[in-house]
């Protein structure tokens, strides 16, 4: 019994599986990353709002925009300190 194996079909099948996996990965990972960015931005914005309310008496104000919210959300306390330092430098 001679079984003829066509390597082109096997290679095409493996490439198709790899592309299917890669496409699935592209559809799942960005959603998780985007959700993390949105949540961190919201948390950063809330922290900046609290700092602005508490810092009103000493003249501390940091503008709340998407960039500052994301910096505060991603970096946490060091990010807020960085924003305060940048405010006084610029």
PDB file of N, CA and C in Angstrom:
ATOM      1  N   UNK A   1       0.830  -1.174   0.000  1.00  0.00           N
ATOM      2  CA  UNK A   1       0.000   0.000   0.000  1.00  0.00           C
ATOM      3  C   UNK A   1       0.878   1.242   0.000  1.00  0.00           C
ATOM      4  N   UNK A   2       0.723   2.038  -0.989  1.00  0.00           N
ATOM      5  CA  UNK A   2       1.517   3.246  -1.113  1.00  0.00           C
ATOM      6  C   UNK A   2       0.611   4.455  -0.883  1.00  0.00           C
ATOM      7  N   UNK A   3       0.827   5.153   0.219  1.00  0.00           N
ATOM      8  CA  UNK A   3       0.019   6.337   0.538  1.00  0.00           C
ATOM      9  C   UNK A   3       0.822   7.555   0.113  1.00  0.00           C
ATOM     10  N   UNK A   4       0.237   8.310  -0.764  1.00  0.00           N
ATOM     11  CA  UNK A   4       0.899   9.506  -1.269  1.00  0.00           C
ATOM     12  C   UNK A   4       0.516  10.689  -0.373  1.00  0.00           C
ATOM     13  N   UNK A   5       1.518  11.300   0.215  1.00  0.00           N
ATOM     14  CA  UNK A   5       1.278  12.467   1.072  1.00  0.00           C
ATOM     15  C   UNK A   5       1.650  13.707   0.279  1.00  0.00           C
ATOM     16  N   UNK A   6       0.698  14.556   0.139  1.00  0.00           N
ATOM     17  CA  UNK A   6       0.974  15.807  -0.555  1.00  0.00           C
ATOM     18  C   UNK A   6       1.329  16.865   0.492  1.00  0.00           C
ATOM     19  N   UNK A   7       2.567  17.232   0.501  1.00  0.00           N
ATOM     20  CA  UNK A   7       3.064  18.178   1.496  1.00  0.00           C
ATOM     21  C   UNK A   7       2.486  19.581   1.304  1.00  0.00           C
ATOM     22  N   UNK A   8       2.123  19.928   0.102  1.00  0.00           N
ATOM     23  CA  UNK A   8       1.529  21.247  -0.138  1.00  0.00           C
ATOM     24  C   UNK A   8       0.219  21.405   0.616  1.00  0.00           C
ATOM     25  N   UNK A   9      -0.580  20.357   0.669  1.00  0.00           N
ATOM     26  CA  UNK A   9      -1.860  20.418   1.380  1.00  0.00           C
ATOM     27  C   UNK A   9      -1.615  20.532   2.889  1.00  0.00           C
ATOM     28  N   UNK A  10      -0.654  19.798   3.396  1.00  0.00           N
ATOM     29  CA  UNK A  10      -0.347  19.855   4.834  1.00  0.00           C
ATOM     30  C   UNK A  10       0.182  21.234   5.211  1.00  0.00           C
ATOM     31  N   UNK A  11       1.061  21.776   4.396  1.00  0.00           N
ATOM     32  CA  UNK A  11       1.614  23.109   4.673  1.00  0.00           C
ATOM     33  C   UNK A  11       0.516  24.168   4.594  1.00  0.00           C
ATOM     34  N   UNK A  12      -0.357  24.076   3.605  1.00  0.00           N
ATOM     35  CA  UNK A  12      -1.465  25.030   3.486  1.00  0.00           C
ATOM     36  C   UNK A  12      -2.397  24.928   4.689  1.00  0.00           C
ATOM     37  N   UNK A  13      -2.640  23.709   5.161  1.00  0.00           N
ATOM     38  CA  UNK A  13      -3.498  23.496   6.317  1.00  0.00           C
ATOM     39  C   UNK A  13      -2.871  24.128   7.569  1.00  0.00           C
ATOM     40  N   UNK A  14      -1.566  23.924   7.762  1.00  0.00           N
ATOM     41  CA  UNK A  14      -0.881  24.496   8.925  1.00  0.00           C
ATOM     42  C   UNK A  14      -0.851  26.023   8.869  1.00  0.00           C
ATOM     43  N   UNK A  15      -0.616  26.567   7.689  1.00  0.00           N
ATOM     44  CA  UNK A  15      -0.634  28.025   7.537  1.00  0.00           C
ATOM     45  C   UNK A  15      -2.032  28.575   7.811  1.00  0.00           C
ATOM     46  N   UNK A  16      -3.055  27.876   7.346  1.00  0.00           N
ATOM     47  CA  UNK A  16      -4.430  28.294   7.608  1.00  0.00           C
ATOM     48  C   UNK A  16      -4.758  28.282   9.086  1.00  0.00           C
ATOM     49  N   UNK A  17      -4.299  27.240   9.803  1.00  0.00           N
ATOM     50  CA  UNK A  17      -4.519  27.196  11.255  1.00  0.00           C
ATOM     51  C   UNK A  17      -3.796  28.328  11.968  1.00  0.00           C
ATOM     52  N   UNK A  18      -2.571  28.604  11.547  1.00  0.00           N
ATOM     53  CA  UNK A  18      -1.821  29.694  12.143  1.00  0.00           C
ATOM     54  C   UNK A  18      -2.518  31.035  11.904  1.00  0.00           C
ATOM     55  N   UNK A  19      -2.991  31.269  10.686  1.00  0.00           N
ATOM     56  CA  UNK A  19      -3.687  32.525  10.379  1.00  0.00           C
ATOM     57  C   UNK A  19      -4.993  32.646  11.154  1.00  0.00           C
ATOM     58  N   UNK A  20      -5.693  31.533  11.333  1.00  0.00           N
ATOM     59  CA  UNK A  20      -6.932  31.544  12.110  1.00  0.00           C
ATOM     60  C   UNK A  20      -6.644  31.888  13.568  1.00  0.00           C
ATOM     61  N   UNK A  21      -5.580  31.295  14.117  1.00  0.00           N
ATOM     62  CA  UNK A  21      -5.184  31.607  15.486  1.00  0.00           C
ATOM     63  C   UNK A  21      -4.787  33.077  15.614  1.00  0.00           C
ATOM     64  N   UNK A  22      -4.006  33.581  14.674  1.00  0.00           N
ATOM     65  CA  UNK A  22      -3.549  34.962  14.703  1.00  0.00           C
ATOM     66  C   UNK A  22      -4.722  35.934  14.596  1.00  0.00           C
ATOM     67  N   UNK A  23      -5.679  35.643  13.725  1.00  0.00           N
ATOM     68  CA  UNK A  23      -6.863  36.490  13.583  1.00  0.00           C
ATOM     69  C   UNK A  23      -7.680  36.502  14.877  1.00  0.00           C
ATOM     70  N   UNK A  24      -7.842  35.338  15.497  1.00  0.00           N
ATOM     71  CA  UNK A  24      -8.548  35.271  16.778  1.00  0.00           C
ATOM     72  C   UNK A  24      -7.834  36.058  17.849  1.00  0.00           C
ATOM     73  N   UNK A  25      -6.506  35.984  17.850  1.00  0.00           N
ATOM     74  CA  UNK A  25      -5.727  36.730  18.836  1.00  0.00           C
ATOM     75  C   UNK A  25      -5.889  38.229  18.630  1.00  0.00           C
ATOM     76  N   UNK A  26      -5.910  38.668  17.364  1.00  0.00           N
ATOM     77  CA  UNK A  26      -6.080  40.093  17.074  1.00  0.00           C
ATOM     78  C   UNK A  26      -7.445  40.607  17.514  1.00  0.00           C
ATOM     79  N   UNK A  27      -8.441  39.758  17.488  1.00  0.00           N
ATOM     80  CA  UNK A  27      -9.781  40.191  17.866  1.00  0.00           C
ATOM     81  C   UNK A  27      -9.995  40.193  19.370  1.00  0.00           C
ATOM     82  N   UNK A  28      -9.233  39.414  20.121  1.00  0.00           N
ATOM     83  CA  UNK A  28      -9.431  39.305  21.567  1.00  0.00           C
ATOM     84  C   UNK A  28      -8.524  40.247  22.342  1.00  0.00           C
ATOM     85  N   UNK A  29      -7.256  40.295  22.026  1.00  0.00           N
ATOM     86  CA  UNK A  29      -6.290  41.054  22.822  1.00  0.00           C
ATOM     87  C   UNK A  29      -6.570  42.556  22.818  1.00  0.00           C
ATOM     88  N   UNK A  30      -6.842  43.184  21.682  1.00  0.00           N
ATOM     89  CA  UNK A  30      -7.075  44.627  21.730  1.00  0.00           C
ATOM     90  C   UNK A  30      -8.289  45.020  22.583  1.00  0.00           C
ATOM     91  N   UNK A  31      -9.300  44.165  22.660  1.00  0.00           N
ATOM     92  CA  UNK A  31     -10.458  44.500  23.496  1.00  0.00           C
ATOM     93  C   UNK A  31     -10.065  44.557  24.962  1.00  0.00           C
ATOM     94  N   UNK A  32      -9.266  43.600  25.408  1.00  0.00           N
ATOM     95  CA  UNK A  32      -8.815  43.601  26.796  1.00  0.00           C
ATOM     96  C   UNK A  32      -7.930  44.817  27.062  1.00  0.00           C
ATOM     97  N   UNK A  33      -7.029  45.100  26.134  1.00  0.00           N
ATOM     98  CA  UNK A  33      -6.126  46.238  26.295  1.00  0.00           C
ATOM     99  C   UNK A  33      -6.901  47.551  26.281  1.00  0.00           C
ATOM    100  N   UNK A  34      -7.861  47.670  25.372  1.00  0.00           N
ATOM    101  CA  UNK A  34      -8.677  48.882  25.288  1.00  0.00           C
ATOM    102  C   UNK A  34      -9.505  49.060  26.549  1.00  0.00           C
ATOM    103  N   UNK A  35     -10.065  47.980  27.077  1.00  0.00           N
ATOM    104  CA  UNK A  35     -10.848  48.061  28.309  1.00  0.00           C
ATOM    105  C   UNK A  35      -9.959  48.499  29.474  1.00  0.00           C
ATOM    106  N   UNK A  36      -8.728  47.978  29.523  1.00  0.00           N
ATOM    107  CA  UNK A  36      -7.804  48.367  30.592  1.00  0.00           C
ATOM    108  C   UNK A  36      -7.457  49.846  30.489  1.00  0.00           C
ATOM    109  N   UNK A  37      -7.230  50.342  29.282  1.00  0.00           N
ATOM    110  CA  UNK A  37      -6.922  51.754  29.091  1.00  0.00           C
ATOM    111  C   UNK A  37      -8.096  52.626  29.533  1.00  0.00           C
ATOM    112  N   UNK A  38      -9.308  52.234  29.173  1.00  0.00           N
ATOM    113  CA  UNK A  38     -10.496  53.017  29.540  1.00  0.00           C
ATOM    114  C   UNK A  38     -10.673  53.046  31.054  1.00  0.00           C
ATOM    115  N   UNK A  39     -10.552  51.899  31.708  1.00  0.00           N
ATOM    116  CA  UNK A  39     -10.722  51.844  33.167  1.00  0.00           C
ATOM    117  C   UNK A  39      -9.641  52.657  33.868  1.00  0.00           C
ATOM    118  N   UNK A  40      -8.390  52.506  33.431  1.00  0.00           N
ATOM    119  CA  UNK A  40      -7.307  53.284  34.052  1.00  0.00           C
ATOM    120  C   UNK A  40      -7.490  54.774  33.817  1.00  0.00           C
ATOM    121  N   UNK A  41      -7.980  55.161  32.650  1.00  0.00           N
ATOM    122  CA  UNK A  41      -8.232  56.571  32.375  1.00  0.00           C
ATOM    123  C   UNK A  41      -9.315  57.141  33.272  1.00  0.00           C
ATOM    124  N   UNK A  42     -10.368  56.359  33.494  1.00  0.00           N
ATOM    125  CA  UNK A  42     -11.454  56.814  34.380  1.00  0.00           C
ATOM    126  C   UNK A  42     -10.945  56.955  35.816  1.00  0.00           C
ATOM    127  N   UNK A  43     -10.188  55.972  36.272  1.00  0.00           N
ATOM    128  CA  UNK A  43      -9.635  56.047  37.628  1.00  0.00           C
ATOM    129  C   UNK A  43      -8.686  57.241  37.756  1.00  0.00           C
ATOM    130  N   UNK A  44      -7.848  57.446  36.745  1.00  0.00           N
ATOM    131  CA  UNK A  44      -6.936  58.598  36.767  1.00  0.00           C
ATOM    132  C   UNK A  44      -7.682  59.917  36.784  1.00  0.00           C
ATOM    133  N   UNK A  45      -8.751  60.017  36.000  1.00  0.00           N
ATOM    134  CA  UNK A  45      -9.567  61.235  35.995  1.00  0.00           C
ATOM    135  C   UNK A  45     -10.210  61.498  37.344  1.00  0.00           C
ATOM    136  N   UNK A  46     -10.691  60.441  37.997  1.00  0.00           N
ATOM    137  CA  UNK A  46     -11.296  60.606  39.323  1.00  0.00           C
ATOM    138  C   UNK A  46     -10.258  61.037  40.354  1.00  0.00           C
ATOM    139  N   UNK A  47      -9.070  60.469  40.277  1.00  0.00           N
ATOM    140  CA  UNK A  47      -8.007  60.876  41.201  1.00  0.00           C
ATOM    141  C   UNK A  47      -7.641  62.339  40.980  1.00  0.00           C
ATOM    142  N   UNK A  48      -7.536  62.733  39.716  1.00  0.00           N
ATOM    143  CA  UNK A  48      -7.223  64.141  39.423  1.00  0.00           C
ATOM    144  C   UNK A  48      -8.337  65.066  39.909  1.00  0.00           C
ATOM    145  N   UNK A  49      -9.588  64.639  39.782  1.00  0.00           N
ATOM    146  CA  UNK A  49     -10.711  65.443  40.268  1.00  0.00           C
ATOM    147  C   UNK A  49     -10.624  65.624  41.781  1.00  0.00           C
ATOM    148  N   UNK A  50     -10.309  64.550  42.482  1.00  0.00           N
ATOM    149  CA  UNK A  50     -10.174  64.642  43.945  1.00  0.00           C
ATOM    150  C   UNK A  50      -9.015  65.560  44.319  1.00  0.00           C
ATOM    151  N   UNK A  51      -7.889  65.437  43.605  1.00  0.00           N
ATOM    152  CA  UNK A  51      -6.743  66.314  43.887  1.00  0.00           C
ATOM    153  C   UNK A  51      -7.100  67.763  43.614  1.00  0.00           C
ATOM    154  N   UNK A  52      -7.838  68.017  42.548  1.00  0.00           N
ATOM    155  CA  UNK A  52      -8.229  69.394  42.236  1.00  0.00           C
ATOM    156  C   UNK A  52      -9.174  69.957  43.296  1.00  0.00           C
ATOM    157  N   UNK A  53     -10.080  69.128  43.811  1.00  0.00           N
ATOM    158  CA  UNK A  53     -10.992  69.607  44.856  1.00  0.00           C
ATOM    159  C   UNK A  53     -10.248  69.878  46.165  1.00  0.00           C
ATOM    160  N   UNK A  54      -9.320  68.976  46.514  1.00  0.00           N
ATOM    161  CA  UNK A  54      -8.577  69.152  47.764  1.00  0.00           C
ATOM    162  C   UNK A  54      -7.477  70.195  47.634  1.00  0.00           C
ATOM    163  N   UNK A  55      -6.907  70.344  46.445  1.00  0.00           N
ATOM    164  CA  UNK A  55      -5.805  71.275  46.247  1.00  0.00           C
ATOM    165  C   UNK A  55      -6.238  72.692  45.948  1.00  0.00           C
ATOM    166  N   UNK A  56      -7.541  72.925  45.898  1.00  0.00           N
ATOM    167  CA  UNK A  56      -8.059  74.262  45.605  1.00  0.00           C
ATOM    168  C   UNK A  56      -7.572  75.293  46.630  1.00  0.00           C
ATOM    169  N   UNK A  57      -7.464  74.881  47.876  1.00  0.00           N
ATOM    170  CA  UNK A  57      -7.071  75.825  48.932  1.00  0.00           C
ATOM    171  C   UNK A  57      -5.594  76.210  48.842  1.00  0.00           C
ATOM    172  N   UNK A  58      -4.769  75.376  48.267  1.00  0.00           N
ATOM    173  CA  UNK A  58      -3.343  75.708  48.163  1.00  0.00           C
ATOM    174  C   UNK A  58      -2.946  76.105  46.747  1.00  0.00           C
ATOM    175  N   UNK A  59      -3.907  76.229  45.859  1.00  0.00           N
ATOM    176  CA  UNK A  59      -3.625  76.672  44.499  1.00  0.00           C
ATOM    177  C   UNK A  59      -3.116  75.577  43.579  1.00  0.00           C
ATOM    178  N   UNK A  60      -3.417  74.341  43.900  1.00  0.00           N
ATOM    179  CA  UNK A  60      -2.986  73.209  43.076  1.00  0.00           C
ATOM    180  C   UNK A  60      -4.116  72.819  42.131  1.00  0.00           C
ATOM    181  N   UNK A  61      -3.836  72.866  40.848  1.00  0.00           N
ATOM    182  CA  UNK A  61      -4.830  72.486  39.849  1.00  0.00           C
ATOM    183  C   UNK A  61      -4.126  71.789  38.691  1.00  0.00           C
ATOM    184  N   UNK A  62      -4.622  70.623  38.334  1.00  0.00           N
ATOM    185  CA  UNK A  62      -4.103  69.879  37.195  1.00  0.00           C
ATOM    186  C   UNK A  62      -5.266  69.708  36.219  1.00  0.00           C
ATOM    187  N   UNK A  63      -5.065  70.124  34.987  1.00  0.00           N
ATOM    188  CA  UNK A  63      -6.117  70.012  33.983  1.00  0.00           C
ATOM    189  C   UNK A  63      -6.469  68.544  33.770  1.00  0.00           C
ATOM    190  N   UNK A  64      -7.760  68.279  33.670  1.00  0.00           N
ATOM    191  CA  UNK A  64      -8.215  66.911  33.424  1.00  0.00           C
ATOM    192  C   UNK A  64      -8.526  66.780  31.940  1.00  0.00           C
ATOM    193  N   UNK A  65      -7.681  66.008  31.255  1.00  0.00           N
ATOM    194  CA  UNK A  65      -7.896  65.690  29.847  1.00  0.00           C
ATOM    195  C   UNK A  65      -7.481  64.243  29.648  1.00  0.00           C
ATOM    196  N   UNK A  66      -7.702  63.666  28.477  1.00  0.00           N
ATOM    197  CA  UNK A  66      -7.371  62.246  28.297  1.00  0.00           C
ATOM    198  C   UNK A  66      -5.907  61.899  28.585  1.00  0.00           C
ATOM    199  N   UNK A  67      -4.984  62.777  28.239  1.00  0.00           N
ATOM    200  CA  UNK A  67      -3.561  62.479  28.459  1.00  0.00           C
ATOM    201  C   UNK A  67      -3.239  62.448  29.946  1.00  0.00           C
ATOM    202  N   UNK A  68      -3.666  63.462  30.684  1.00  0.00           N
ATOM    203  CA  UNK A  68      -3.354  63.487  32.118  1.00  0.00           C
ATOM    204  C   UNK A  68      -4.086  62.370  32.852  1.00  0.00           C
ATOM    205  N   UNK A  69      -5.306  62.044  32.423  1.00  0.00           N
ATOM    206  CA  UNK A  69      -6.047  60.951  33.060  1.00  0.00           C
ATOM    207  C   UNK A  69      -5.344  59.613  32.829  1.00  0.00           C
ATOM    208  N   UNK A  70      -4.840  59.389  31.618  1.00  0.00           N
ATOM    209  CA  UNK A  70      -4.137  58.140  31.343  1.00  0.00           C
ATOM    210  C   UNK A  70      -2.792  58.068  32.072  1.00  0.00           C
ATOM    211  N   UNK A  71      -2.095  59.190  32.169  1.00  0.00           N
ATOM    212  CA  UNK A  71      -0.826  59.198  32.912  1.00  0.00           C
ATOM    213  C   UNK A  71      -1.091  58.874  34.377  1.00  0.00           C
ATOM    214  N   UNK A  72      -2.107  59.495  34.952  1.00  0.00           N
ATOM    215  CA  UNK A  72      -2.443  59.230  36.351  1.00  0.00           C
ATOM    216  C   UNK A  72      -2.966  57.801  36.520  1.00  0.00           C
ATOM    217  N   UNK A  73      -3.718  57.303  35.543  1.00  0.00           N
ATOM    218  CA  UNK A  73      -4.258  55.953  35.638  1.00  0.00           C
ATOM    219  C   UNK A  73      -3.204  54.884  35.494  1.00  0.00           C
ATOM    220  N   UNK A  74      -2.284  55.046  34.555  1.00  0.00           N
ATOM    221  CA  UNK A  74      -1.241  54.045  34.333  1.00  0.00           C
ATOM    222  C   UNK A  74      -0.160  54.078  35.403  1.00  0.00           C
ATOM    223  N   UNK A  75       0.286  55.266  35.755  1.00  0.00           N
ATOM    224  CA  UNK A  75       1.418  55.375  36.665  1.00  0.00           C
ATOM    225  C   UNK A  75       1.016  55.523  38.126  1.00  0.00           C
ATOM    226  N   UNK A  76      -0.240  55.829  38.393  1.00  0.00           N
ATOM    227  CA  UNK A  76      -0.699  55.954  39.771  1.00  0.00           C
ATOM    228  C   UNK A  76      -0.128  57.189  40.445  1.00  0.00           C
ATOM    229  N   UNK A  77       0.299  57.029  41.696  1.00  0.00           N
ATOM    230  CA  UNK A  77       0.840  58.140  42.485  1.00  0.00           C
ATOM    231  C   UNK A  77       2.069  58.763  41.818  1.00  0.00           C
ATOM    232  N   UNK A  78       3.036  57.971  41.313  1.00  0.00           N
ATOM    233  CA  UNK A  78       4.165  58.607  40.631  1.00  0.00           C
ATOM    234  C   UNK A  78       3.736  59.428  39.413  1.00  0.00           C
ATOM    235  N   UNK A  79       2.694  58.997  38.723  1.00  0.00           N
ATOM    236  CA  UNK A  79       2.185  59.756  37.585  1.00  0.00           C
ATOM    237  C   UNK A  79       1.591  61.085  37.999  1.00  0.00           C
ATOM    238  N   UNK A  80       0.895  61.095  39.118  1.00  0.00           N
ATOM    239  CA  UNK A  80       0.315  62.345  39.627  1.00  0.00           C
ATOM    240  C   UNK A  80       1.418  63.297  40.069  1.00  0.00           C
ATOM    241  N   UNK A  81       2.429  62.754  40.735  1.00  0.00           N
ATOM    242  CA  UNK A  81       3.572  63.589  41.130  1.00  0.00           C
ATOM    243  C   UNK A  81       4.258  64.155  39.888  1.00  0.00           C
ATOM    244  N   UNK A  82       4.397  63.326  38.852  1.00  0.00           N
ATOM    245  CA  UNK A  82       4.986  63.787  37.596  1.00  0.00           C
ATOM    246  C   UNK A  82       4.158  64.920  36.985  1.00  0.00           C
ATOM    247  N   UNK A  83       2.845  64.793  37.005  1.00  0.00           N
ATOM    248  CA  UNK A  83       1.989  65.846  36.455  1.00  0.00           C
ATOM    249  C   UNK A  83       2.112  67.146  37.250  1.00  0.00           C
ATOM    250  N   UNK A  84       2.220  67.027  38.559  1.00  0.00           N
ATOM    251  CA  UNK A  84       2.386  68.229  39.394  1.00  0.00           C
ATOM    252  C   UNK A  84       3.723  68.896  39.096  1.00  0.00           C
ATOM    253  N   UNK A  85       4.778  68.109  38.964  1.00  0.00           N
ATOM    254  CA  UNK A  85       6.092  68.665  38.661  1.00  0.00           C
ATOM    255  C   UNK A  85       6.080  69.318  37.275  1.00  0.00           C
ATOM    256  N   UNK A  86       5.480  68.653  36.296  1.00  0.00           N
ATOM    257  CA  UNK A  86       5.406  69.215  34.945  1.00  0.00           C
ATOM    258  C   UNK A  86       4.600  70.507  34.909  1.00  0.00           C
ATOM    259  N   UNK A  87       3.595  70.620  35.772  1.00  0.00           N
ATOM    260  CA  UNK A  87       2.794  71.842  35.809  1.00  0.00           C
ATOM    261  C   UNK A  87       3.643  73.015  36.270  1.00  0.00           C
ATOM    262  N   UNK A  88       4.504  72.787  37.248  1.00  0.00           N
ATOM    263  CA  UNK A  88       5.318  73.884  37.759  1.00  0.00           C
ATOM    264  C   UNK A  88       6.524  74.170  36.895  1.00  0.00           C
ATOM    265  N   UNK A  89       6.966  73.209  36.094  1.00  0.00           N
ATOM    266  CA  UNK A  89       8.083  73.434  35.181  1.00  0.00           C
ATOM    267  C   UNK A  89       7.615  74.224  33.968  1.00  0.00           C
ATOM    268  N   UNK A  90       6.469  73.845  33.419  1.00  0.00           N
ATOM    269  CA  UNK A  90       6.008  74.475  32.166  1.00  0.00           C
ATOM    270  C   UNK A  90       5.339  75.780  32.390  1.00  0.00           C
TER     271      UNK A  90
END
